[in-house]
Amino acid sequence: VRYGRPTVHAAVGVPAAINIGDYLVGAGYRLIAGIAGEPGLHRDLLAILADAHLRLAQGQGAELWWRDAGSGRLTAAESLAIYGLKTSPAFEAAVAMGIRLAGVQPAAAVAVDRYALHVGTGFQVLNDLKDWHGDLENDRRMAGDLLGGRPTVMWALALEHLPAAQRQQLEAIGRKAARPDSADSSQSDAVAEVRRLYHAAGVFERTAAIVAEQRAAATDALRNCRHPRLREVLEFLLDLAVPAEAPPAGG
């Protein structure tokens, strides 16, 4: 389940899901090929997309390694670096392509890479925080990352700030809650206990502070933007992805 709906591979099987993904990549190539423009435009657009594609795969691979490593013992800083790889390139590619299609080299218009890094990271951290509120906007169940066995920056923060005994307790609860055969009542108890441990470590407040820091850094990246209209658009995108009002820190 993803955002409250069955994933494609769950609905139609892994082979069909892979084939659909491959088709969509090909559809993207066709869109690029059909764009009319100056010499070098297609080369630049493909370079932007290829770079983003590779970095997204690297980031997702790093998260899969983190998830499957067993201990999950990454620092919060390391988890944020993974977030930057697995999310930010998508924002960067979208913004950079739009600027390039307008006839401007992205680097000459704004610090696209720095802006996208903080928008993408802030978006991902905010997504983790929403997970503990159920994220009704996306029809997600409470603590879906915990129950799905997916490590997050909140998990990393808890491991950093809990004493050894509570840290071991958290890890044991996480392993048990993520088991496919775990009963609903057992999962409910696990969520309540992890919430208590997160509060003890100040995780909700720390996570909200990271969201605010990423938003501020993204705003700072726009300081030298040379195009007022572009700055308005990027500020609007920032408000959509990382709104100033985060969910309550209490979880």
C-alpha atoms as a PDB file:
ATOM      1  CA  VAL A   1       0.000   0.000   0.000  1.00  0.00           C
ATOM      2  CA  ARG A   2       1.259   3.483  -0.872  1.00  0.00           C
ATOM      3  CA  TYR A   3      -0.653   6.618   0.130  1.00  0.00           C
ATOM      4  CA  GLY A   4      -3.664   4.512   1.016  1.00  0.00           C
ATOM      5  CA  ARG A   5      -3.879   2.694  -2.330  1.00  0.00           C
ATOM      6  CA  PRO A   6      -2.451  -0.635  -3.555  1.00  0.00           C
ATOM      7  CA  THR A   7       0.852  -0.221  -5.370  1.00  0.00           C
ATOM      8  CA  VAL A   8       1.026  -1.216  -9.036  1.00  0.00           C
ATOM      9  CA  HIS A   9       3.115  -4.310  -8.317  1.00  0.00           C
ATOM     10  CA  ALA A  10       0.591  -5.428  -5.681  1.00  0.00           C
ATOM     11  CA  ALA A  11      -2.350  -4.816  -8.018  1.00  0.00           C
ATOM     12  CA  VAL A  12      -1.005  -6.345 -11.246  1.00  0.00           C
ATOM     13  CA  GLY A  13       2.227  -8.120 -10.304  1.00  0.00           C
ATOM     14  CA  VAL A  14       5.944  -7.278 -10.384  1.00  0.00           C
ATOM     15  CA  PRO A  15       6.595  -8.035 -14.100  1.00  0.00           C
ATOM     16  CA  ALA A  16       3.723  -5.789 -15.224  1.00  0.00           C
ATOM     17  CA  ALA A  17       4.802  -3.025 -12.820  1.00  0.00           C
ATOM     18  CA  ILE A  18       8.366  -3.061 -14.174  1.00  0.00           C
ATOM     19  CA  ASN A  19       7.050  -2.979 -17.734  1.00  0.00           C
ATOM     20  CA  ILE A  20       4.787  -0.010 -16.927  1.00  0.00           C
ATOM     21  CA  GLY A  21       7.758   1.834 -15.424  1.00  0.00           C
ATOM     22  CA  ASP A  22       9.858   1.133 -18.520  1.00  0.00           C
ATOM     23  CA  TYR A  23       7.013   2.377 -20.736  1.00  0.00           C
ATOM     24  CA  LEU A  24       6.815   5.644 -18.800  1.00  0.00           C
ATOM     25  CA  VAL A  25      10.562   6.205 -19.190  1.00  0.00           C
ATOM     26  CA  GLY A  26      10.159   5.701 -22.947  1.00  0.00           C
ATOM     27  CA  ALA A  27       7.196   8.085 -22.999  1.00  0.00           C
ATOM     28  CA  GLY A  28       9.450  10.691 -21.417  1.00  0.00           C
ATOM     29  CA  TYR A  29      12.062  10.280 -24.135  1.00  0.00           C
ATOM     30  CA  ARG A  30       9.328  10.731 -26.740  1.00  0.00           C
ATOM     31  CA  LEU A  31       8.154  13.967 -25.101  1.00  0.00           C
ATOM     32  CA  ILE A  32      11.685  15.377 -25.146  1.00  0.00           C
ATOM     33  CA  ALA A  33      12.200  14.369 -28.771  1.00  0.00           C
ATOM     34  CA  GLY A  34       9.012  16.172 -29.772  1.00  0.00           C
ATOM     35  CA  ILE A  35      10.060  19.552 -28.345  1.00  0.00           C
ATOM     36  CA  ALA A  36      11.087  22.134 -30.905  1.00  0.00           C
ATOM     37  CA  GLY A  37      13.886  24.474 -29.951  1.00  0.00           C
ATOM     38  CA  GLU A  38      17.337  25.874 -30.491  1.00  0.00           C
ATOM     39  CA  PRO A  39      20.366  23.662 -31.190  1.00  0.00           C
ATOM     40  CA  GLY A  40      21.595  22.059 -27.995  1.00  0.00           C
ATOM     41  CA  LEU A  41      18.223  22.209 -26.214  1.00  0.00           C
ATOM     42  CA  HIS A  42      17.549  18.473 -26.448  1.00  0.00           C
ATOM     43  CA  ARG A  43      21.068  17.680 -25.278  1.00  0.00           C
ATOM     44  CA  ASP A  44      20.660  19.931 -22.226  1.00  0.00           C
ATOM     45  CA  LEU A  45      17.234  18.517 -21.321  1.00  0.00           C
ATOM     46  CA  LEU A  46      18.457  14.928 -21.612  1.00  0.00           C
ATOM     47  CA  ALA A  47      21.512  15.755 -19.502  1.00  0.00           C
ATOM     48  CA  ILE A  48      19.285  17.219 -16.767  1.00  0.00           C
ATOM     49  CA  LEU A  49      16.999  14.168 -16.793  1.00  0.00           C
ATOM     50  CA  ALA A  50      19.807  11.606 -16.949  1.00  0.00           C
ATOM     51  CA  ASP A  51      21.628  13.194 -14.023  1.00  0.00           C
ATOM     52  CA  ALA A  52      18.445  13.300 -11.941  1.00  0.00           C
ATOM     53  CA  HIS A  53      17.579   9.702 -12.877  1.00  0.00           C
ATOM     54  CA  LEU A  54      20.959   8.395 -11.734  1.00  0.00           C
ATOM     55  CA  ARG A  55      20.945  10.326  -8.455  1.00  0.00           C
ATOM     56  CA  LEU A  56      17.385   9.253  -7.642  1.00  0.00           C
ATOM     57  CA  ALA A  57      18.388   5.616  -8.137  1.00  0.00           C
ATOM     58  CA  GLN A  58      21.454   6.110  -5.942  1.00  0.00           C
ATOM     59  CA  GLY A  59      19.338   7.658  -3.212  1.00  0.00           C
ATOM     60  CA  GLN A  60      16.719   4.942  -3.359  1.00  0.00           C
ATOM     61  CA  GLY A  61      19.482   2.330  -3.292  1.00  0.00           C
ATOM     62  CA  ALA A  62      21.008   3.950  -0.223  1.00  0.00           C
ATOM     63  CA  GLU A  63      17.636   3.884   1.544  1.00  0.00           C
ATOM     64  CA  LEU A  64      17.136   0.220   0.630  1.00  0.00           C
ATOM     65  CA  TRP A  65      20.574  -0.561   2.039  1.00  0.00           C
ATOM     66  CA  TRP A  66      19.680   1.349   5.209  1.00  0.00           C
ATOM     67  CA  ARG A  67      16.397  -0.546   5.533  1.00  0.00           C
ATOM     68  CA  ASP A  68      17.959  -3.950   4.964  1.00  0.00           C
ATOM     69  CA  ALA A  69      21.122  -3.409   7.018  1.00  0.00           C
ATOM     70  CA  GLY A  70      19.441  -4.751  10.153  1.00  0.00           C
ATOM     71  CA  SER A  71      20.600  -2.260  12.771  1.00  0.00           C
ATOM     72  CA  GLY A  72      19.314   0.871  10.994  1.00  0.00           C
ATOM     73  CA  ARG A  73      22.114   2.725  12.746  1.00  0.00           C
ATOM     74  CA  LEU A  74      22.476   5.796  10.579  1.00  0.00           C
ATOM     75  CA  THR A  75      22.835   9.260  12.068  1.00  0.00           C
ATOM     76  CA  ALA A  76      20.233  11.914  11.396  1.00  0.00           C
ATOM     77  CA  ALA A  77      22.757  13.774   9.228  1.00  0.00           C
ATOM     78  CA  GLU A  78      23.366  10.651   7.135  1.00  0.00           C
ATOM     79  CA  SER A  79      19.630  10.062   6.755  1.00  0.00           C
ATOM     80  CA  LEU A  80      19.169  13.641   5.547  1.00  0.00           C
ATOM     81  CA  ALA A  81      21.905  13.051   2.954  1.00  0.00           C
ATOM     82  CA  ILE A  82      19.947  10.032   1.688  1.00  0.00           C
ATOM     83  CA  TYR A  83      16.784  12.141   1.576  1.00  0.00           C
ATOM     84  CA  GLY A  84      18.636  14.706  -0.491  1.00  0.00           C
ATOM     85  CA  LEU A  85      19.549  12.024  -3.026  1.00  0.00           C
ATOM     86  CA  LYS A  86      16.228  10.190  -3.190  1.00  0.00           C
ATOM     87  CA  THR A  87      13.903  13.198  -3.431  1.00  0.00           C
ATOM     88  CA  SER A  88      15.685  16.424  -4.356  1.00  0.00           C
ATOM     89  CA  PRO A  89      16.774  15.494  -7.921  1.00  0.00           C
ATOM     90  CA  ALA A  90      13.128  15.281  -8.993  1.00  0.00           C
ATOM     91  CA  PHE A  91      12.515  18.876  -7.881  1.00  0.00           C
ATOM     92  CA  GLU A  92      15.795  19.995  -9.420  1.00  0.00           C
ATOM     93  CA  ALA A  93      15.047  18.396 -12.800  1.00  0.00           C
ATOM     94  CA  ALA A  94      11.560  19.920 -12.975  1.00  0.00           C
ATOM     95  CA  VAL A  95      12.801  23.423 -12.135  1.00  0.00           C
ATOM     96  CA  ALA A  96      15.923  23.240 -14.291  1.00  0.00           C
ATOM     97  CA  MET A  97      14.017  21.982 -17.325  1.00  0.00           C
ATOM     98  CA  GLY A  98      11.461  24.757 -17.017  1.00  0.00           C
ATOM     99  CA  ILE A  99      14.183  27.380 -16.873  1.00  0.00           C
ATOM    100  CA  ARG A 100      16.051  25.843 -19.805  1.00  0.00           C
ATOM    101  CA  LEU A 101      12.869  25.682 -21.893  1.00  0.00           C
ATOM    102  CA  ALA A 102      12.488  29.416 -21.252  1.00  0.00           C
ATOM    103  CA  GLY A 103      15.809  29.929 -23.022  1.00  0.00           C
ATOM    104  CA  VAL A 104      17.984  30.469 -19.951  1.00  0.00           C
ATOM    105  CA  GLN A 105      20.738  28.300 -18.530  1.00  0.00           C
ATOM    106  CA  PRO A 106      19.488  27.184 -15.068  1.00  0.00           C
ATOM    107  CA  ALA A 107      22.727  27.971 -13.217  1.00  0.00           C
ATOM    108  CA  ALA A 108      22.632  31.534 -14.543  1.00  0.00           C
ATOM    109  CA  ALA A 109      19.123  32.135 -13.194  1.00  0.00           C
ATOM    110  CA  VAL A 110      19.161  30.759  -9.655  1.00  0.00           C
ATOM    111  CA  ALA A 111      20.997  28.290  -7.400  1.00  0.00           C
ATOM    112  CA  VAL A 112      18.747  25.460  -8.610  1.00  0.00           C
ATOM    113  CA  ASP A 113      20.750  22.657  -7.020  1.00  0.00           C
ATOM    114  CA  ARG A 114      20.814  24.265  -3.568  1.00  0.00           C
ATOM    115  CA  TYR A 115      17.149  25.265  -3.718  1.00  0.00           C
ATOM    116  CA  ALA A 116      16.049  21.790  -4.810  1.00  0.00           C
ATOM    117  CA  LEU A 117      18.232  20.068  -2.217  1.00  0.00           C
ATOM    118  CA  HIS A 118      16.464  21.848   0.632  1.00  0.00           C
ATOM    119  CA  VAL A 119      12.975  21.684  -0.879  1.00  0.00           C
ATOM    120  CA  GLY A 120      13.315  17.957  -1.488  1.00  0.00           C
ATOM    121  CA  THR A 121      14.838  17.239   1.912  1.00  0.00           C
ATOM    122  CA  GLY A 122      12.269  19.383   3.708  1.00  0.00           C
ATOM    123  CA  PHE A 123       9.459  17.702   1.781  1.00  0.00           C
ATOM    124  CA  GLN A 124      10.698  14.244   2.776  1.00  0.00           C
ATOM    125  CA  VAL A 125      11.163  15.156   6.453  1.00  0.00           C
ATOM    126  CA  LEU A 126       7.719  16.754   6.544  1.00  0.00           C
ATOM    127  CA  ASN A 127       6.348  13.568   4.992  1.00  0.00           C
ATOM    128  CA  ASP A 128       7.848  11.602   7.901  1.00  0.00           C
ATOM    129  CA  LEU A 129       6.235  13.963  10.390  1.00  0.00           C
ATOM    130  CA  LYS A 130       2.853  13.690   8.667  1.00  0.00           C
ATOM    131  CA  ASP A 131       3.126   9.915   8.939  1.00  0.00           C
ATOM    132  CA  TRP A 132       2.526  10.247  12.682  1.00  0.00           C
ATOM    133  CA  HIS A 133      -0.657  12.227  12.084  1.00  0.00           C
ATOM    134  CA  GLY A 134      -2.116   9.751   9.609  1.00  0.00           C
ATOM    135  CA  ASP A 135      -1.645  12.225   6.719  1.00  0.00           C
ATOM    136  CA  LEU A 136      -5.338  12.267   5.844  1.00  0.00           C
ATOM    137  CA  GLU A 137      -4.528  14.329   2.745  1.00  0.00           C
ATOM    138  CA  ASN A 138      -2.916  11.254   1.193  1.00  0.00           C
ATOM    139  CA  ASP A 139      -5.127   8.651   2.918  1.00  0.00           C
ATOM    140  CA  ARG A 140      -2.215   7.165   4.852  1.00  0.00           C
ATOM    141  CA  ARG A 141      -2.554   5.143   8.011  1.00  0.00           C
ATOM    142  CA  MET A 142      -0.818   6.256  11.196  1.00  0.00           C
ATOM    143  CA  ALA A 143       2.885   5.307  11.518  1.00  0.00           C
ATOM    144  CA  GLY A 144       2.925   3.572   8.147  1.00  0.00           C
ATOM    145  CA  ASP A 145       6.728   3.904   7.886  1.00  0.00           C
ATOM    146  CA  LEU A 146       7.233   2.146  11.205  1.00  0.00           C
ATOM    147  CA  LEU A 147       4.802  -0.646  10.349  1.00  0.00           C
ATOM    148  CA  GLY A 148       6.301  -0.987   6.881  1.00  0.00           C
ATOM    149  CA  GLY A 149       9.817  -1.355   8.242  1.00  0.00           C
ATOM    150  CA  ARG A 150      11.019   1.848   6.548  1.00  0.00           C
ATOM    151  CA  PRO A 151      13.700   3.792   8.478  1.00  0.00           C
ATOM    152  CA  THR A 152      13.275   7.560   8.707  1.00  0.00           C
ATOM    153  CA  VAL A 153      15.118  10.572  10.054  1.00  0.00           C
ATOM    154  CA  MET A 154      12.772  10.396  13.054  1.00  0.00           C
ATOM    155  CA  TRP A 155      14.006   6.877  13.740  1.00  0.00           C
ATOM    156  CA  ALA A 156      17.610   8.084  13.436  1.00  0.00           C
ATOM    157  CA  LEU A 157      16.944  10.989  15.816  1.00  0.00           C
ATOM    158  CA  ALA A 158      15.450   8.629  18.382  1.00  0.00           C
ATOM    159  CA  LEU A 159      18.459   6.309  18.202  1.00  0.00           C
ATOM    160  CA  GLU A 160      20.773   9.297  18.664  1.00  0.00           C
ATOM    161  CA  HIS A 161      18.999  10.790  21.663  1.00  0.00           C
ATOM    162  CA  LEU A 162      17.645   7.812  23.637  1.00  0.00           C
ATOM    163  CA  PRO A 163      19.723   6.122  26.340  1.00  0.00           C
ATOM    164  CA  ALA A 164      21.001   2.639  25.518  1.00  0.00           C
ATOM    165  CA  ALA A 165      18.206   0.677  27.205  1.00  0.00           C
ATOM    166  CA  GLN A 166      15.422   2.640  25.488  1.00  0.00           C
ATOM    167  CA  ARG A 167      17.299   2.490  22.186  1.00  0.00           C
ATOM    168  CA  GLN A 168      17.379  -1.300  22.352  1.00  0.00           C
ATOM    169  CA  GLN A 169      13.693  -1.308  23.289  1.00  0.00           C
ATOM    170  CA  LEU A 170      12.874   0.856  20.260  1.00  0.00           C
ATOM    171  CA  GLU A 171      14.779  -1.425  17.896  1.00  0.00           C
ATOM    172  CA  ALA A 172      13.030  -4.528  19.260  1.00  0.00           C
ATOM    173  CA  ILE A 173       9.599  -2.898  18.893  1.00  0.00           C
ATOM    174  CA  GLY A 174      10.400  -1.816  15.343  1.00  0.00           C
ATOM    175  CA  ARG A 175      11.432  -5.305  14.287  1.00  0.00           C
ATOM    176  CA  LYS A 176       8.300  -6.840  15.768  1.00  0.00           C
ATOM    177  CA  ALA A 177       5.892  -4.210  14.384  1.00  0.00           C
ATOM    178  CA  ALA A 178       7.210  -4.603  10.827  1.00  0.00           C
ATOM    179  CA  ARG A 179       6.660  -8.373  10.715  1.00  0.00           C
ATOM    180  CA  PRO A 180       3.975  -9.278   8.142  1.00  0.00           C
ATOM    181  CA  ASP A 181       2.230 -11.600  10.610  1.00  0.00           C
ATOM    182  CA  SER A 182       1.987  -8.932  13.305  1.00  0.00           C
ATOM    183  CA  ALA A 183      -1.592  -8.630  14.637  1.00  0.00           C
ATOM    184  CA  ASP A 184      -3.421  -5.301  14.471  1.00  0.00           C
ATOM    185  CA  SER A 185      -3.593  -5.066  18.269  1.00  0.00           C
ATOM    186  CA  SER A 186       0.134  -5.722  18.511  1.00  0.00           C
ATOM    187  CA  GLN A 187       0.851  -3.049  15.908  1.00  0.00           C
ATOM    188  CA  SER A 188      -1.369  -0.572  17.753  1.00  0.00           C
ATOM    189  CA  ASP A 189       0.560  -1.206  20.969  1.00  0.00           C
ATOM    190  CA  ALA A 190       3.856  -0.788  19.086  1.00  0.00           C
ATOM    191  CA  VAL A 191       2.803   2.555  17.632  1.00  0.00           C
ATOM    192  CA  ALA A 192       1.794   3.821  21.073  1.00  0.00           C
ATOM    193  CA  GLU A 193       5.084   2.684  22.627  1.00  0.00           C
ATOM    194  CA  VAL A 194       7.221   4.143  19.831  1.00  0.00           C
ATOM    195  CA  ARG A 195       5.304   7.413  20.135  1.00  0.00           C
ATOM    196  CA  ARG A 196       6.160   7.466  23.842  1.00  0.00           C
ATOM    197  CA  LEU A 197       9.837   6.856  23.096  1.00  0.00           C
ATOM    198  CA  TYR A 198       9.821   9.531  20.382  1.00  0.00           C
ATOM    199  CA  HIS A 199       8.411  12.011  22.879  1.00  0.00           C
ATOM    200  CA  ALA A 200      11.071  11.012  25.408  1.00  0.00           C
ATOM    201  CA  ALA A 201      13.781  11.762  22.829  1.00  0.00           C
ATOM    202  CA  GLY A 202      12.155  15.022  21.675  1.00  0.00           C
ATOM    203  CA  VAL A 203      11.868  13.562  18.168  1.00  0.00           C
ATOM    204  CA  PHE A 204       8.733  15.431  17.084  1.00  0.00           C
ATOM    205  CA  GLU A 205      10.159  18.822  18.061  1.00  0.00           C
ATOM    206  CA  ARG A 206      13.537  18.043  16.504  1.00  0.00           C
ATOM    207  CA  THR A 207      11.906  16.905  13.267  1.00  0.00           C
ATOM    208  CA  ALA A 208       9.742  20.040  13.054  1.00  0.00           C
ATOM    209  CA  ALA A 209      12.894  22.110  13.571  1.00  0.00           C
ATOM    210  CA  ILE A 210      14.613  20.334  10.665  1.00  0.00           C
ATOM    211  CA  VAL A 211      11.634  21.123   8.418  1.00  0.00           C
ATOM    212  CA  ALA A 212      11.904  24.803   9.377  1.00  0.00           C
ATOM    213  CA  GLU A 213      15.673  24.772   8.759  1.00  0.00           C
ATOM    214  CA  GLN A 214      15.262  23.241   5.307  1.00  0.00           C
ATOM    215  CA  ARG A 215      12.578  25.764   4.386  1.00  0.00           C
ATOM    216  CA  ALA A 216      14.797  28.645   5.507  1.00  0.00           C
ATOM    217  CA  ALA A 217      17.748  27.258   3.516  1.00  0.00           C
ATOM    218  CA  ALA A 218      15.589  26.919   0.390  1.00  0.00           C
ATOM    219  CA  THR A 219      14.434  30.518   0.795  1.00  0.00           C
ATOM    220  CA  ASP A 220      18.043  31.656   1.190  1.00  0.00           C
ATOM    221  CA  ALA A 221      18.953  29.876  -2.066  1.00  0.00           C
ATOM    222  CA  LEU A 222      16.562  32.230  -3.880  1.00  0.00           C
ATOM    223  CA  ARG A 223      18.272  35.358  -2.573  1.00  0.00           C
ATOM    224  CA  ASN A 224      20.274  35.982  -5.754  1.00  0.00           C
ATOM    225  CA  CYS A 225      17.576  34.937  -8.226  1.00  0.00           C
ATOM    226  CA  ARG A 226      17.773  37.363 -11.143  1.00  0.00           C
ATOM    227  CA  HIS A 227      14.219  36.896 -12.405  1.00  0.00           C
ATOM    228  CA  PRO A 228      11.396  38.205 -10.172  1.00  0.00           C
ATOM    229  CA  ARG A 229       8.708  36.081 -11.848  1.00  0.00           C
ATOM    230  CA  LEU A 230      10.811  32.932 -11.480  1.00  0.00           C
ATOM    231  CA  ARG A 231      11.368  33.750  -7.821  1.00  0.00           C
ATOM    232  CA  GLU A 232       7.599  34.028  -7.310  1.00  0.00           C
ATOM    233  CA  VAL A 233       7.072  30.630  -8.909  1.00  0.00           C
ATOM    234  CA  LEU A 234       9.789  29.003  -6.798  1.00  0.00           C
ATOM    235  CA  GLU A 235       8.423  30.567  -3.612  1.00  0.00           C
ATOM    236  CA  PHE A 236       4.997  29.182  -4.543  1.00  0.00           C
ATOM    237  CA  LEU A 237       6.491  25.717  -5.093  1.00  0.00           C
ATOM    238  CA  LEU A 238       8.239  25.933  -1.726  1.00  0.00           C
ATOM    239  CA  ASP A 239       4.943  26.822  -0.029  1.00  0.00           C
ATOM    240  CA  LEU A 240       3.305  23.779  -1.635  1.00  0.00           C
ATOM    241  CA  ALA A 241       6.103  21.323  -0.823  1.00  0.00           C
ATOM    242  CA  VAL A 242       7.235  22.624   2.563  1.00  0.00           C
ATOM    243  CA  PRO A 243       4.537  24.936   3.965  1.00  0.00           C
ATOM    244  CA  ALA A 244       5.450  27.270   6.785  1.00  0.00           C
ATOM    245  CA  GLU A 245       2.903  25.632   9.071  1.00  0.00           C
ATOM    246  CA  ALA A 246       4.109  22.092   9.791  1.00  0.00           C
ATOM    247  CA  PRO A 247       1.927  19.537  11.612  1.00  0.00           C
ATOM    248  CA  PRO A 248       1.870  19.979  15.406  1.00  0.00           C
ATOM    249  CA  ALA A 249       5.135  18.789  16.894  1.00  0.00           C
ATOM    250  CA  GLY A 250       3.354  16.608  19.436  1.00  0.00           C
ATOM    251  CA  GLY A 251       2.629  13.812  16.977  1.00  0.00           C
END
